[in-house]
PDB file of N, CA and C in Angstrom:
ATOM      1  N   MET A   1      -9.509   3.355 -23.309  1.00  0.00           N
ATOM      2  CA  MET A   1     -10.455   3.146 -24.376  1.00  0.00           C
ATOM      3  C   MET A   1      -9.958   3.665 -25.681  1.00  0.00           C
ATOM      4  N   GLY A   2      -9.099   4.600 -25.754  1.00  0.00           N
ATOM      5  CA  GLY A   2      -8.492   5.157 -26.985  1.00  0.00           C
ATOM      6  C   GLY A   2      -7.671   4.085 -27.687  1.00  0.00           C
ATOM      7  N   TRP A   3      -7.010   3.202 -26.948  1.00  0.00           N
ATOM      8  CA  TRP A   3      -6.160   2.223 -27.538  1.00  0.00           C
ATOM      9  C   TRP A   3      -7.071   1.179 -28.282  1.00  0.00           C
ATOM     10  N   LYS A   4      -8.201   0.958 -27.799  1.00  0.00           N
ATOM     11  CA  LYS A   4      -9.094   0.010 -28.502  1.00  0.00           C
ATOM     12  C   LYS A   4      -9.495   0.534 -29.843  1.00  0.00           C
ATOM     13  N   THR A   5      -9.763   1.779 -29.870  1.00  0.00           N
ATOM     14  CA  THR A   5     -10.147   2.441 -31.160  1.00  0.00           C
ATOM     15  C   THR A   5      -8.987   2.297 -32.137  1.00  0.00           C
ATOM     16  N   SER A   6      -7.763   2.644 -31.639  1.00  0.00           N
ATOM     17  CA  SER A   6      -6.582   2.598 -32.568  1.00  0.00           C
ATOM     18  C   SER A   6      -6.399   1.207 -32.950  1.00  0.00           C
ATOM     19  N   LEU A   7      -6.460   0.189 -31.998  1.00  0.00           N
ATOM     20  CA  LEU A   7      -6.301  -1.144 -32.333  1.00  0.00           C
ATOM     21  C   LEU A   7      -7.302  -1.627 -33.333  1.00  0.00           C
ATOM     22  N   GLY A   8      -8.548  -1.235 -33.170  1.00  0.00           N
ATOM     23  CA  GLY A   8      -9.632  -1.542 -34.031  1.00  0.00           C
ATOM     24  C   GLY A   8      -9.340  -1.066 -35.427  1.00  0.00           C
ATOM     25  N   LYS A   9      -8.839   0.161 -35.561  1.00  0.00           N
ATOM     26  CA  LYS A   9      -8.537   0.728 -36.829  1.00  0.00           C
ATOM     27  C   LYS A   9      -7.396  -0.093 -37.540  1.00  0.00           C
ATOM     28  N   VAL A  10      -6.369  -0.483 -36.782  1.00  0.00           N
ATOM     29  CA  VAL A  10      -5.300  -1.301 -37.317  1.00  0.00           C
ATOM     30  C   VAL A  10      -5.781  -2.667 -37.834  1.00  0.00           C
ATOM     31  N   THR A  11      -6.571  -3.252 -37.011  1.00  0.00           N
ATOM     32  CA  THR A  11      -7.153  -4.602 -37.372  1.00  0.00           C
ATOM     33  C   THR A  11      -8.020  -4.481 -38.599  1.00  0.00           C
ATOM     34  N   ASP A  12      -8.814  -3.455 -38.630  1.00  0.00           N
ATOM     35  CA  ASP A  12      -9.714  -3.155 -39.752  1.00  0.00           C
ATOM     36  C   ASP A  12      -8.887  -3.038 -41.076  1.00  0.00           C
ATOM     37  N   ARG A  13      -7.776  -2.315 -40.970  1.00  0.00           N
ATOM     38  CA  ARG A  13      -6.926  -2.095 -42.200  1.00  0.00           C
ATOM     39  C   ARG A  13      -6.211  -3.356 -42.639  1.00  0.00           C
ATOM     40  N   LEU A  14      -5.954  -4.258 -41.664  1.00  0.00           N
ATOM     41  CA  LEU A  14      -5.219  -5.466 -41.963  1.00  0.00           C
ATOM     42  C   LEU A  14      -6.116  -6.488 -42.637  1.00  0.00           C
ATOM     43  N   THR A  15      -7.395  -6.446 -42.325  1.00  0.00           N
ATOM     44  CA  THR A  15      -8.338  -7.451 -42.795  1.00  0.00           C
ATOM     45  C   THR A  15      -9.034  -7.018 -44.099  1.00  0.00           C
ATOM     46  N   LYS A  16      -8.928  -5.792 -44.510  1.00  0.00           N
ATOM     47  CA  LYS A  16      -9.620  -5.373 -45.738  1.00  0.00           C
ATOM     48  C   LYS A  16      -8.700  -5.543 -46.976  1.00  0.00           C
ATOM     49  N   SER A  17      -9.319  -5.806 -48.130  1.00  0.00           N
ATOM     50  CA  SER A  17      -8.574  -5.924 -49.393  1.00  0.00           C
ATOM     51  C   SER A  17      -8.012  -4.580 -49.748  1.00  0.00           C
ATOM     52  N   ASP A  18      -7.054  -4.599 -50.661  1.00  0.00           N
ATOM     53  CA  ASP A  18      -6.486  -3.360 -51.184  1.00  0.00           C
ATOM     54  C   ASP A  18      -7.484  -2.465 -51.876  1.00  0.00           C
ATOM     55  N   ASP A  19      -8.426  -3.119 -52.618  1.00  0.00           N
ATOM     56  CA  ASP A  19      -9.413  -2.342 -53.330  1.00  0.00           C
ATOM     57  C   ASP A  19     -10.385  -1.583 -52.361  1.00  0.00           C
ATOM     58  N   VAL A  20     -10.780  -2.221 -51.285  1.00  0.00           N
ATOM     59  CA  VAL A  20     -11.634  -1.682 -50.215  1.00  0.00           C
ATOM     60  C   VAL A  20     -10.850  -0.570 -49.581  1.00  0.00           C
ATOM     61  N   LEU A  21      -9.619  -0.761 -49.260  1.00  0.00           N
ATOM     62  CA  LEU A  21      -8.767   0.297 -48.633  1.00  0.00           C
ATOM     63  C   LEU A  21      -8.708   1.517 -49.556  1.00  0.00           C
ATOM     64  N   GLU A  22      -8.463   1.307 -50.827  1.00  0.00           N
ATOM     65  CA  GLU A  22      -8.353   2.398 -51.695  1.00  0.00           C
ATOM     66  C   GLU A  22      -9.727   3.136 -51.858  1.00  0.00           C
ATOM     67  N   SER A  23     -10.842   2.486 -51.897  1.00  0.00           N
ATOM     68  CA  SER A  23     -12.107   3.060 -51.933  1.00  0.00           C
ATOM     69  C   SER A  23     -12.428   3.898 -50.679  1.00  0.00           C
ATOM     70  N   ASP A  24     -12.014   3.380 -49.548  1.00  0.00           N
ATOM     71  CA  ASP A  24     -12.137   4.128 -48.243  1.00  0.00           C
ATOM     72  C   ASP A  24     -11.282   5.416 -48.300  1.00  0.00           C
ATOM     73  N   ASP A  25     -10.077   5.302 -48.830  1.00  0.00           N
ATOM     74  CA  ASP A  25      -9.191   6.490 -49.037  1.00  0.00           C
ATOM     75  C   ASP A  25      -9.805   7.544 -49.902  1.00  0.00           C
ATOM     76  N   LEU A  26     -10.323   7.035 -50.987  1.00  0.00           N
ATOM     77  CA  LEU A  26     -10.947   8.019 -51.993  1.00  0.00           C
ATOM     78  C   LEU A  26     -12.166   8.680 -51.384  1.00  0.00           C
ATOM     79  N   ARG A  27     -12.972   7.948 -50.733  1.00  0.00           N
ATOM     80  CA  ARG A  27     -14.165   8.575 -50.017  1.00  0.00           C
ATOM     81  C   ARG A  27     -13.787   9.596 -49.003  1.00  0.00           C
ATOM     82  N   ALA A  28     -12.648   9.277 -48.158  1.00  0.00           N
ATOM     83  CA  ALA A  28     -12.187  10.249 -47.235  1.00  0.00           C
ATOM     84  C   ALA A  28     -11.659  11.560 -47.925  1.00  0.00           C
ATOM     85  N   SER A  29     -10.983  11.369 -49.085  1.00  0.00           N
ATOM     86  CA  SER A  29     -10.483  12.548 -49.782  1.00  0.00           C
ATOM     87  C   SER A  29     -11.592  13.403 -50.299  1.00  0.00           C
ATOM     88  N   THR A  30     -12.689  12.759 -50.772  1.00  0.00           N
ATOM     89  CA  THR A  30     -13.796  13.480 -51.271  1.00  0.00           C
ATOM     90  C   THR A  30     -14.446  14.343 -50.115  1.00  0.00           C
ATOM     91  N   ARG A  31     -14.618  13.776 -48.989  1.00  0.00           N
ATOM     92  CA  ARG A  31     -15.139  14.488 -47.861  1.00  0.00           C
ATOM     93  C   ARG A  31     -14.304  15.631 -47.474  1.00  0.00           C
ATOM     94  N   LYS A  32     -12.936  15.432 -47.407  1.00  0.00           N
ATOM     95  CA  LYS A  32     -11.989  16.446 -47.026  1.00  0.00           C
ATOM     96  C   LYS A  32     -12.067  17.645 -47.913  1.00  0.00           C
ATOM     97  N   LEU A  33     -12.239  17.381 -49.223  1.00  0.00           N
ATOM     98  CA  LEU A  33     -12.336  18.496 -50.216  1.00  0.00           C
ATOM     99  C   LEU A  33     -13.695  19.112 -50.333  1.00  0.00           C
ATOM    100  N   GLY A  34     -14.668  18.594 -49.519  1.00  0.00           N
ATOM    101  CA  GLY A  34     -16.017  19.132 -49.593  1.00  0.00           C
ATOM    102  C   GLY A  34     -16.848  18.799 -50.834  1.00  0.00           C
ATOM    103  N   ALA A  35     -16.483  17.800 -51.543  1.00  0.00           N
ATOM    104  CA  ALA A  35     -17.109  17.442 -52.759  1.00  0.00           C
ATOM    105  C   ALA A  35     -18.296  16.501 -52.544  1.00  0.00           C
ATOM    106  N   THR A  36     -19.113  16.376 -53.545  1.00  0.00           N
ATOM    107  CA  THR A  36     -20.286  15.487 -53.470  1.00  0.00           C
ATOM    108  C   THR A  36     -19.904  14.073 -53.864  1.00  0.00           C
ATOM    109  N   PRO A  37     -20.133  13.035 -53.134  1.00  0.00           N
ATOM    110  CA  PRO A  37     -19.837  11.693 -53.529  1.00  0.00           C
ATOM    111  C   PRO A  37     -20.583  11.377 -54.820  1.00  0.00           C
ATOM    112  N   ILE A  38     -19.996  10.730 -55.830  1.00  0.00           N
ATOM    113  CA  ILE A  38     -20.562  10.392 -57.079  1.00  0.00           C
ATOM    114  C   ILE A  38     -21.918   9.685 -56.860  1.00  0.00           C
ATOM    115  N   CYS A  39     -21.959   8.802 -55.873  1.00  0.00           N
ATOM    116  CA  CYS A  39     -23.260   8.084 -55.652  1.00  0.00           C
ATOM    117  C   CYS A  39     -24.354   8.980 -55.245  1.00  0.00           C
ATOM    118  N   ASP A  40     -24.036  10.178 -54.738  1.00  0.00           N
ATOM    119  CA  ASP A  40     -25.155  11.159 -54.317  1.00  0.00           C
ATOM    120  C   ASP A  40     -25.407  12.219 -55.366  1.00  0.00           C
ATOM    121  N   ALA A  41     -24.703  12.155 -56.521  1.00  0.00           N
ATOM    122  CA  ALA A  41     -24.917  13.189 -57.563  1.00  0.00           C
ATOM    123  C   ALA A  41     -26.268  12.963 -58.204  1.00  0.00           C
ATOM    124  N   ALA A  42     -27.120  13.947 -58.090  1.00  0.00           N
ATOM    125  CA  ALA A  42     -28.517  13.788 -58.658  1.00  0.00           C
ATOM    126  C   ALA A  42     -28.579  14.187 -60.112  1.00  0.00           C
ATOM    127  N   ASP A  43     -29.413  13.584 -60.836  1.00  0.00           N
ATOM    128  CA  ASP A  43     -29.570  13.820 -62.269  1.00  0.00           C
ATOM    129  C   ASP A  43     -30.008  15.363 -62.470  1.00  0.00           C
ATOM    130  N   ARG A  44     -29.391  15.965 -63.389  1.00  0.00           N
ATOM    131  CA  ARG A  44     -29.659  17.407 -63.731  1.00  0.00           C
ATOM    132  C   ARG A  44     -29.227  18.380 -62.715  1.00  0.00           C
ATOM    133  N   SER A  45     -28.441  17.983 -61.792  1.00  0.00           N
ATOM    134  CA  SER A  45     -27.954  18.922 -60.780  1.00  0.00           C
ATOM    135  C   SER A  45     -26.475  19.322 -61.148  1.00  0.00           C
ATOM    136  N   ILE A  46     -26.027  20.440 -60.603  1.00  0.00           N
ATOM    137  CA  ILE A  46     -24.654  20.743 -60.799  1.00  0.00           C
ATOM    138  C   ILE A  46     -23.949  20.220 -59.518  1.00  0.00           C
ATOM    139  N   ALA A  47     -22.890  19.476 -59.797  1.00  0.00           N
ATOM    140  CA  ALA A  47     -22.153  18.820 -58.799  1.00  0.00           C
ATOM    141  C   ALA A  47     -20.655  19.094 -58.880  1.00  0.00           C
ATOM    142  N   CYS A  48     -19.969  19.041 -57.719  1.00  0.00           N
ATOM    143  CA  CYS A  48     -18.563  19.147 -57.645  1.00  0.00           C
ATOM    144  C   CYS A  48     -18.163  17.711 -57.045  1.00  0.00           C
ATOM    145  N   CYS A  49     -17.374  16.995 -57.882  1.00  0.00           N
ATOM    146  CA  CYS A  49     -16.967  15.638 -57.460  1.00  0.00           C
ATOM    147  C   CYS A  49     -15.434  15.513 -57.555  1.00  0.00           C
ATOM    148  N   CYS A  50     -14.898  14.624 -56.803  1.00  0.00           N
ATOM    149  CA  CYS A  50     -13.446  14.340 -56.781  1.00  0.00           C
ATOM    150  C   CYS A  50     -13.287  12.874 -56.970  1.00  0.00           C
ATOM    151  N   GLY A  51     -12.112  12.466 -57.569  1.00  0.00           N
ATOM    152  CA  GLY A  51     -11.856  11.115 -57.721  1.00  0.00           C
ATOM    153  C   GLY A  51     -10.561  10.880 -58.521  1.00  0.00           C
ATOM    154  N   THR A  52     -10.241   9.631 -58.667  1.00  0.00           N
ATOM    155  CA  THR A  52      -9.005   9.167 -59.432  1.00  0.00           C
ATOM    156  C   THR A  52      -9.469   8.757 -60.797  1.00  0.00           C
ATOM    157  N   VAL A  53      -8.727   9.178 -61.810  1.00  0.00           N
ATOM    158  CA  VAL A  53      -8.946   8.759 -63.140  1.00  0.00           C
ATOM    159  C   VAL A  53      -8.570   7.336 -63.250  1.00  0.00           C
ATOM    160  N   ARG A  54      -9.483   6.470 -63.676  1.00  0.00           N
ATOM    161  CA  ARG A  54      -9.272   5.033 -63.945  1.00  0.00           C
ATOM    162  C   ARG A  54      -8.853   4.782 -65.380  1.00  0.00           C
ATOM    163  N   SER A  55      -9.467   5.482 -66.266  1.00  0.00           N
ATOM    164  CA  SER A  55      -9.143   5.174 -67.720  1.00  0.00           C
ATOM    165  C   SER A  55      -9.477   6.475 -68.538  1.00  0.00           C
ATOM    166  N   VAL A  56      -8.731   6.583 -69.624  1.00  0.00           N
ATOM    167  CA  VAL A  56      -8.992   7.631 -70.623  1.00  0.00           C
ATOM    168  C   VAL A  56      -9.090   6.997 -71.956  1.00  0.00           C
ATOM    169  N   SER A  57     -10.125   7.375 -72.685  1.00  0.00           N
ATOM    170  CA  SER A  57     -10.320   6.823 -74.048  1.00  0.00           C
ATOM    171  C   SER A  57     -10.806   7.937 -74.998  1.00  0.00           C
ATOM    172  N   LEU A  58     -10.632   7.684 -76.298  1.00  0.00           N
ATOM    173  CA  LEU A  58     -11.041   8.606 -77.305  1.00  0.00           C
ATOM    174  C   LEU A  58     -12.123   7.832 -78.068  1.00  0.00           C
ATOM    175  N   ARG A  59     -13.301   8.515 -78.100  1.00  0.00           N
ATOM    176  CA  ARG A  59     -14.414   7.903 -78.814  1.00  0.00           C
ATOM    177  C   ARG A  59     -14.806   8.758 -80.008  1.00  0.00           C
ATOM    178  N   PRO A  60     -14.687   8.197 -81.205  1.00  0.00           N
ATOM    179  CA  PRO A  60     -15.135   8.972 -82.426  1.00  0.00           C
ATOM    180  C   PRO A  60     -16.623   9.218 -82.313  1.00  0.00           C
ATOM    181  N   ARG A  61     -16.997  10.392 -82.734  1.00  0.00           N
ATOM    182  CA  ARG A  61     -18.478  10.666 -82.767  1.00  0.00           C
ATOM    183  C   ARG A  61     -19.009  10.542 -84.182  1.00  0.00           C
ATOM    184  N   ALA A  62     -20.245  10.424 -84.331  1.00  0.00           N
ATOM    185  CA  ALA A  62     -20.924  10.199 -85.698  1.00  0.00           C
ATOM    186  C   ALA A  62     -20.529  11.350 -86.569  1.00  0.00           C
ATOM    187  N   ASP A  63     -20.519  12.560 -86.068  1.00  0.00           N
ATOM    188  CA  ASP A  63     -20.236  13.737 -86.923  1.00  0.00           C
ATOM    189  C   ASP A  63     -18.693  14.067 -87.009  1.00  0.00           C
ATOM    190  N   SER A  64     -17.903  13.094 -86.722  1.00  0.00           N
ATOM    191  CA  SER A  64     -16.421  13.155 -86.813  1.00  0.00           C
ATOM    192  C   SER A  64     -15.740  14.104 -85.870  1.00  0.00           C
ATOM    193  N   VAL A  65     -16.530  14.518 -84.766  1.00  0.00           N
ATOM    194  CA  VAL A  65     -15.965  15.313 -83.693  1.00  0.00           C
ATOM    195  C   VAL A  65     -15.451  14.350 -82.584  1.00  0.00           C
ATOM    196  N   PRO A  66     -14.232  14.419 -82.235  1.00  0.00           N
ATOM    197  CA  PRO A  66     -13.701  13.464 -81.226  1.00  0.00           C
ATOM    198  C   PRO A  66     -14.271  13.802 -79.910  1.00  0.00           C
ATOM    199  N   ALA A  67     -14.239  12.817 -78.979  1.00  0.00           N
ATOM    200  CA  ALA A  67     -14.702  12.949 -77.587  1.00  0.00           C
ATOM    201  C   ALA A  67     -13.709  12.219 -76.684  1.00  0.00           C
ATOM    202  N   MET A  68     -13.103  12.928 -75.747  1.00  0.00           N
ATOM    203  CA  MET A  68     -12.284  12.315 -74.811  1.00  0.00           C
ATOM    204  C   MET A  68     -13.056  11.914 -73.588  1.00  0.00           C
ATOM    205  N   VAL A  69     -13.055  10.642 -73.269  1.00  0.00           N
ATOM    206  CA  VAL A  69     -13.925  10.134 -72.174  1.00  0.00           C
ATOM    207  C   VAL A  69     -12.986   9.542 -71.029  1.00  0.00           C
ATOM    208  N   VAL A  70     -13.290  10.058 -69.777  1.00  0.00           N
ATOM    209  CA  VAL A  70     -12.532   9.675 -68.663  1.00  0.00           C
ATOM    210  C   VAL A  70     -13.417   9.016 -67.669  1.00  0.00           C
ATOM    211  N   ASP A  71     -13.057   7.899 -67.095  1.00  0.00           N
ATOM    212  CA  ASP A  71     -13.675   7.208 -66.002  1.00  0.00           C
ATOM    213  C   ASP A  71     -13.163   7.719 -64.673  1.00  0.00           C
ATOM    214  N   LEU A  72     -13.984   8.387 -63.930  1.00  0.00           N
ATOM    215  CA  LEU A  72     -13.547   8.962 -62.637  1.00  0.00           C
ATOM    216  C   LEU A  72     -14.149   8.184 -61.504  1.00  0.00           C
ATOM    217  N   ASP A  73     -13.319   7.641 -60.540  1.00  0.00           N
ATOM    218  CA  ASP A  73     -13.786   6.800 -59.426  1.00  0.00           C
ATOM    219  C   ASP A  73     -13.476   7.557 -58.156  1.00  0.00           C
ATOM    220  N   ASP A  74     -14.530   7.695 -57.279  1.00  0.00           N
ATOM    221  CA  ASP A  74     -14.331   8.335 -55.975  1.00  0.00           C
ATOM    222  C   ASP A  74     -14.561   7.316 -54.788  1.00  0.00           C
ATOM    223  N   GLY A  75     -14.569   6.085 -55.160  1.00  0.00           N
ATOM    224  CA  GLY A  75     -14.687   5.046 -54.040  1.00  0.00           C
ATOM    225  C   GLY A  75     -16.210   4.657 -53.817  1.00  0.00           C
ATOM    226  N   SER A  76     -17.100   5.517 -54.197  1.00  0.00           N
ATOM    227  CA  SER A  76     -18.556   5.193 -54.058  1.00  0.00           C
ATOM    228  C   SER A  76     -19.173   4.776 -55.407  1.00  0.00           C
ATOM    229  N   ARG A  77     -18.657   5.247 -56.452  1.00  0.00           N
ATOM    230  CA  ARG A  77     -19.209   4.945 -57.878  1.00  0.00           C
ATOM    231  C   ARG A  77     -18.253   5.590 -58.841  1.00  0.00           C
ATOM    232  N   THR A  78     -18.448   5.174 -60.116  1.00  0.00           N
ATOM    233  CA  THR A  78     -17.580   5.692 -61.198  1.00  0.00           C
ATOM    234  C   THR A  78     -18.547   6.628 -62.024  1.00  0.00           C
ATOM    235  N   MET A  79     -17.878   7.767 -62.524  1.00  0.00           N
ATOM    236  CA  MET A  79     -18.611   8.728 -63.310  1.00  0.00           C
ATOM    237  C   MET A  79     -17.847   8.851 -64.599  1.00  0.00           C
ATOM    238  N   ASN A  80     -18.513   9.170 -65.691  1.00  0.00           N
ATOM    239  CA  ASN A  80     -17.922   9.397 -67.020  1.00  0.00           C
ATOM    240  C   ASN A  80     -17.831  10.986 -67.130  1.00  0.00           C
ATOM    241  N   LEU A  81     -16.649  11.419 -67.534  1.00  0.00           N
ATOM    242  CA  LEU A  81     -16.417  12.789 -67.913  1.00  0.00           C
ATOM    243  C   LEU A  81     -16.148  12.842 -69.374  1.00  0.00           C
ATOM    244  N   VAL A  82     -16.835  13.659 -70.111  1.00  0.00           N
ATOM    245  CA  VAL A  82     -16.696  13.661 -71.570  1.00  0.00           C
ATOM    246  C   VAL A  82     -16.324  15.133 -72.071  1.00  0.00           C
ATOM    247  N   TRP A  83     -15.249  15.245 -72.695  1.00  0.00           N
ATOM    248  CA  TRP A  83     -14.850  16.483 -73.287  1.00  0.00           C
ATOM    249  C   TRP A  83     -15.039  16.324 -74.807  1.00  0.00           C
ATOM    250  N   LEU A  84     -16.007  17.136 -75.314  1.00  0.00           N
ATOM    251  CA  LEU A  84     -16.298  17.032 -76.760  1.00  0.00           C
ATOM    252  C   LEU A  84     -15.229  17.879 -77.499  1.00  0.00           C
ATOM    253  N   GLY A  85     -14.840  17.389 -78.661  1.00  0.00           N
ATOM    254  CA  GLY A  85     -13.827  18.133 -79.495  1.00  0.00           C
ATOM    255  C   GLY A  85     -12.399  18.024 -78.964  1.00  0.00           C
ATOM    256  N   ARG A  86     -12.156  17.160 -77.946  1.00  0.00           N
ATOM    257  CA  ARG A  86     -10.784  17.035 -77.411  1.00  0.00           C
ATOM    258  C   ARG A  86     -10.260  15.638 -77.660  1.00  0.00           C
ATOM    259  N   ARG A  87      -9.019  15.539 -77.971  1.00  0.00           N
ATOM    260  CA  ARG A  87      -8.297  14.251 -78.077  1.00  0.00           C
ATOM    261  C   ARG A  87      -7.406  13.954 -76.923  1.00  0.00           C
ATOM    262  N   LYS A  88      -6.972  15.035 -76.265  1.00  0.00           N
ATOM    263  CA  LYS A  88      -6.026  14.875 -75.134  1.00  0.00           C
ATOM    264  C   LYS A  88      -6.109  16.150 -74.319  1.00  0.00           C
ATOM    265  N   ILE A  89      -5.905  16.013 -72.943  1.00  0.00           N
ATOM    266  CA  ILE A  89      -5.756  17.123 -72.082  1.00  0.00           C
ATOM    267  C   ILE A  89      -4.582  16.890 -71.251  1.00  0.00           C
ATOM    268  N   ALA A  90      -3.664  17.739 -71.321  1.00  0.00           N
ATOM    269  CA  ALA A  90      -2.336  17.599 -70.641  1.00  0.00           C
ATOM    270  C   ALA A  90      -2.646  17.376 -69.086  1.00  0.00           C
ATOM    271  N   GLY A  91      -2.018  16.390 -68.547  1.00  0.00           N
ATOM    272  CA  GLY A  91      -2.116  16.122 -67.087  1.00  0.00           C
ATOM    273  C   GLY A  91      -3.181  15.125 -66.712  1.00  0.00           C
ATOM    274  N   ILE A  92      -4.133  14.866 -67.642  1.00  0.00           N
ATOM    275  CA  ILE A  92      -5.259  13.930 -67.342  1.00  0.00           C
ATOM    276  C   ILE A  92      -4.853  12.609 -67.872  1.00  0.00           C
ATOM    277  N   GLU A  93      -4.574  11.683 -67.004  1.00  0.00           N
ATOM    278  CA  GLU A  93      -4.111  10.333 -67.381  1.00  0.00           C
ATOM    279  C   GLU A  93      -4.544   9.376 -66.195  1.00  0.00           C
ATOM    280  N   PRO A  94      -4.543   8.028 -66.457  1.00  0.00           N
ATOM    281  CA  PRO A  94      -4.860   7.195 -65.360  1.00  0.00           C
ATOM    282  C   PRO A  94      -4.022   7.468 -64.063  1.00  0.00           C
ATOM    283  N   GLY A  95      -4.642   7.490 -62.925  1.00  0.00           N
ATOM    284  CA  GLY A  95      -3.959   7.730 -61.682  1.00  0.00           C
ATOM    285  C   GLY A  95      -4.017   9.202 -61.244  1.00  0.00           C
ATOM    286  N   THR A  96      -4.374  10.108 -62.091  1.00  0.00           N
ATOM    287  CA  THR A  96      -4.482  11.500 -61.761  1.00  0.00           C
ATOM    288  C   THR A  96      -5.710  11.732 -60.876  1.00  0.00           C
ATOM    289  N   TYR A  97      -5.567  12.596 -59.851  1.00  0.00           N
ATOM    290  CA  TYR A  97      -6.636  12.934 -58.949  1.00  0.00           C
ATOM    291  C   TYR A  97      -7.281  14.225 -59.400  1.00  0.00           C
ATOM    292  N   LEU A  98      -8.592  14.211 -59.725  1.00  0.00           N
ATOM    293  CA  LEU A  98      -9.276  15.395 -60.295  1.00  0.00           C
ATOM    294  C   LEU A  98     -10.435  15.876 -59.337  1.00  0.00           C
ATOM    295  N   LYS A  99     -10.650  17.144 -59.402  1.00  0.00           N
ATOM    296  CA  LYS A  99     -11.879  17.760 -58.844  1.00  0.00           C
ATOM    297  C   LYS A  99     -12.620  18.371 -60.047  1.00  0.00           C
ATOM    298  N   VAL A 100     -13.817  17.985 -60.329  1.00  0.00           N
ATOM    299  CA  VAL A 100     -14.571  18.400 -61.471  1.00  0.00           C
ATOM    300  C   VAL A 100     -15.859  19.006 -60.985  1.00  0.00           C
ATOM    301  N   THR A 101     -16.350  19.943 -61.843  1.00  0.00           N
ATOM    302  CA  THR A 101     -17.645  20.571 -61.633  1.00  0.00           C
ATOM    303  C   THR A 101     -18.369  20.623 -62.921  1.00  0.00           C
ATOM    304  N   GLY A 102     -19.663  20.368 -62.826  1.00  0.00           N
ATOM    305  CA  GLY A 102     -20.552  20.386 -64.026  1.00  0.00           C
ATOM    306  C   GLY A 102     -21.948  19.873 -63.749  1.00  0.00           C
ATOM    307  N   ARG A 103     -22.741  19.917 -64.765  1.00  0.00           N
ATOM    308  CA  ARG A 103     -24.096  19.395 -64.649  1.00  0.00           C
ATOM    309  C   ARG A 103     -24.089  17.884 -64.938  1.00  0.00           C
ATOM    310  N   VAL A 104     -24.653  17.131 -63.975  1.00  0.00           N
ATOM    311  CA  VAL A 104     -24.719  15.695 -64.146  1.00  0.00           C
ATOM    312  C   VAL A 104     -25.957  15.288 -64.909  1.00  0.00           C
ATOM    313  N   THR A 105     -25.670  14.347 -65.822  1.00  0.00           N
ATOM    314  CA  THR A 105     -26.804  13.695 -66.539  1.00  0.00           C
ATOM    315  C   THR A 105     -26.481  12.150 -66.488  1.00  0.00           C
ATOM    316  N   TYR A 106     -27.571  11.432 -66.452  1.00  0.00           N
ATOM    317  CA  TYR A 106     -27.402   9.962 -66.442  1.00  0.00           C
ATOM    318  C   TYR A 106     -27.667   9.388 -67.765  1.00  0.00           C
ATOM    319  N   ILE A 107     -26.629   8.736 -68.292  1.00  0.00           N
ATOM    320  CA  ILE A 107     -26.766   8.042 -69.583  1.00  0.00           C
ATOM    321  C   ILE A 107     -26.618   6.557 -69.410  1.00  0.00           C
ATOM    322  N   LYS A 108     -27.628   5.851 -69.674  1.00  0.00           N
ATOM    323  CA  LYS A 108     -27.732   4.394 -69.425  1.00  0.00           C
ATOM    324  C   LYS A 108     -27.326   4.062 -68.046  1.00  0.00           C
ATOM    325  N   GLY A 109     -27.846   4.967 -67.035  1.00  0.00           N
ATOM    326  CA  GLY A 109     -27.651   4.621 -65.699  1.00  0.00           C
ATOM    327  C   GLY A 109     -26.266   5.058 -65.101  1.00  0.00           C
ATOM    328  N   THR A 110     -25.458   5.658 -66.016  1.00  0.00           N
ATOM    329  CA  THR A 110     -24.113   6.115 -65.591  1.00  0.00           C
ATOM    330  C   THR A 110     -24.071   7.650 -65.376  1.00  0.00           C
ATOM    331  N   PRO A 111     -23.654   8.103 -64.242  1.00  0.00           N
ATOM    332  CA  PRO A 111     -23.591   9.611 -64.105  1.00  0.00           C
ATOM    333  C   PRO A 111     -22.514  10.130 -65.025  1.00  0.00           C
ATOM    334  N   THR A 112     -22.854  11.211 -65.781  1.00  0.00           N
ATOM    335  CA  THR A 112     -21.915  11.768 -66.807  1.00  0.00           C
ATOM    336  C   THR A 112     -21.938  13.281 -66.745  1.00  0.00           C
ATOM    337  N   ILE A 113     -20.765  13.923 -66.852  1.00  0.00           N
ATOM    338  CA  ILE A 113     -20.650  15.335 -67.008  1.00  0.00           C
ATOM    339  C   ILE A 113     -19.993  15.605 -68.312  1.00  0.00           C
ATOM    340  N   PHE A 114     -20.596  16.464 -69.121  1.00  0.00           N
ATOM    341  CA  PHE A 114     -19.990  16.880 -70.406  1.00  0.00           C
ATOM    342  C   PHE A 114     -19.264  18.132 -70.190  1.00  0.00           C
ATOM    343  N   ASN A 115     -17.994  18.237 -70.755  1.00  0.00           N
ATOM    344  CA  ASN A 115     -17.151  19.425 -70.668  1.00  0.00           C
ATOM    345  C   ASN A 115     -17.078  20.055 -69.310  1.00  0.00           C
ATOM    346  N   PRO A 116     -16.753  19.217 -68.184  1.00  0.00           N
ATOM    347  CA  PRO A 116     -16.685  19.745 -66.916  1.00  0.00           C
ATOM    348  C   PRO A 116     -15.510  20.674 -66.773  1.00  0.00           C
ATOM    349  N   SER A 117     -15.547  21.638 -65.788  1.00  0.00           N
ATOM    350  CA  SER A 117     -14.382  22.392 -65.394  1.00  0.00           C
ATOM    351  C   SER A 117     -13.648  21.465 -64.480  1.00  0.00           C
ATOM    352  N   TYR A 118     -12.341  21.547 -64.390  1.00  0.00           N
ATOM    353  CA  TYR A 118     -11.552  20.555 -63.623  1.00  0.00           C
ATOM    354  C   TYR A 118     -10.364  21.260 -62.979  1.00  0.00           C
ATOM    355  N   GLU A 119      -9.839  20.653 -61.931  1.00  0.00           N
ATOM    356  CA  GLU A 119      -8.591  20.967 -61.263  1.00  0.00           C
ATOM    357  C   GLU A 119      -7.832  19.662 -60.945  1.00  0.00           C
ATOM    358  N   ILE A 120      -6.617  19.652 -61.315  1.00  0.00           N
ATOM    359  CA  ILE A 120      -5.749  18.534 -60.923  1.00  0.00           C
ATOM    360  C   ILE A 120      -5.321  18.758 -59.475  1.00  0.00           C
ATOM    361  N   LYS A 121      -5.604  17.797 -58.635  1.00  0.00           N
ATOM    362  CA  LYS A 121      -5.320  17.888 -57.184  1.00  0.00           C
ATOM    363  C   LYS A 121      -4.408  16.895 -56.710  1.00  0.00           C
ATOM    364  N   THR A 122      -3.870  17.131 -55.531  1.00  0.00           N
ATOM    365  CA  THR A 122      -3.143  16.044 -54.807  1.00  0.00           C
ATOM    366  C   THR A 122      -4.021  15.576 -53.613  1.00  0.00           C
ATOM    367  N   ARG A 123      -3.908  14.362 -53.177  1.00  0.00           N
ATOM    368  CA  ARG A 123      -4.785  13.886 -52.103  1.00  0.00           C
ATOM    369  C   ARG A 123      -4.069  14.135 -50.822  1.00  0.00           C
TER     370      ARG A 123
END
């Protein structure tokens, strides 16, 4: 019976798209590190989330204070991370795997953490 399970896993991996496989791997990494999936992060709660940086952008603020914005994807959903007053953080670039902690707020339906604490991790 064990071989059917292994065969089923191989067949499953061969029939899924690369995007789906990557999402599955990200969700598995999140579970392994004991983090909260982004899709389960509740508004106004403190959450610890993990994921891959998809994009990094600099958004000028109205009061001329820069804001570095990162899109973090954990395979379940994307979250915005916003560092106010920062233009760049060494080591944070697309493809980097991060573990972040902070208070979640929903802005226009998107989970967001302002000035999160972070660790650069390996999967």
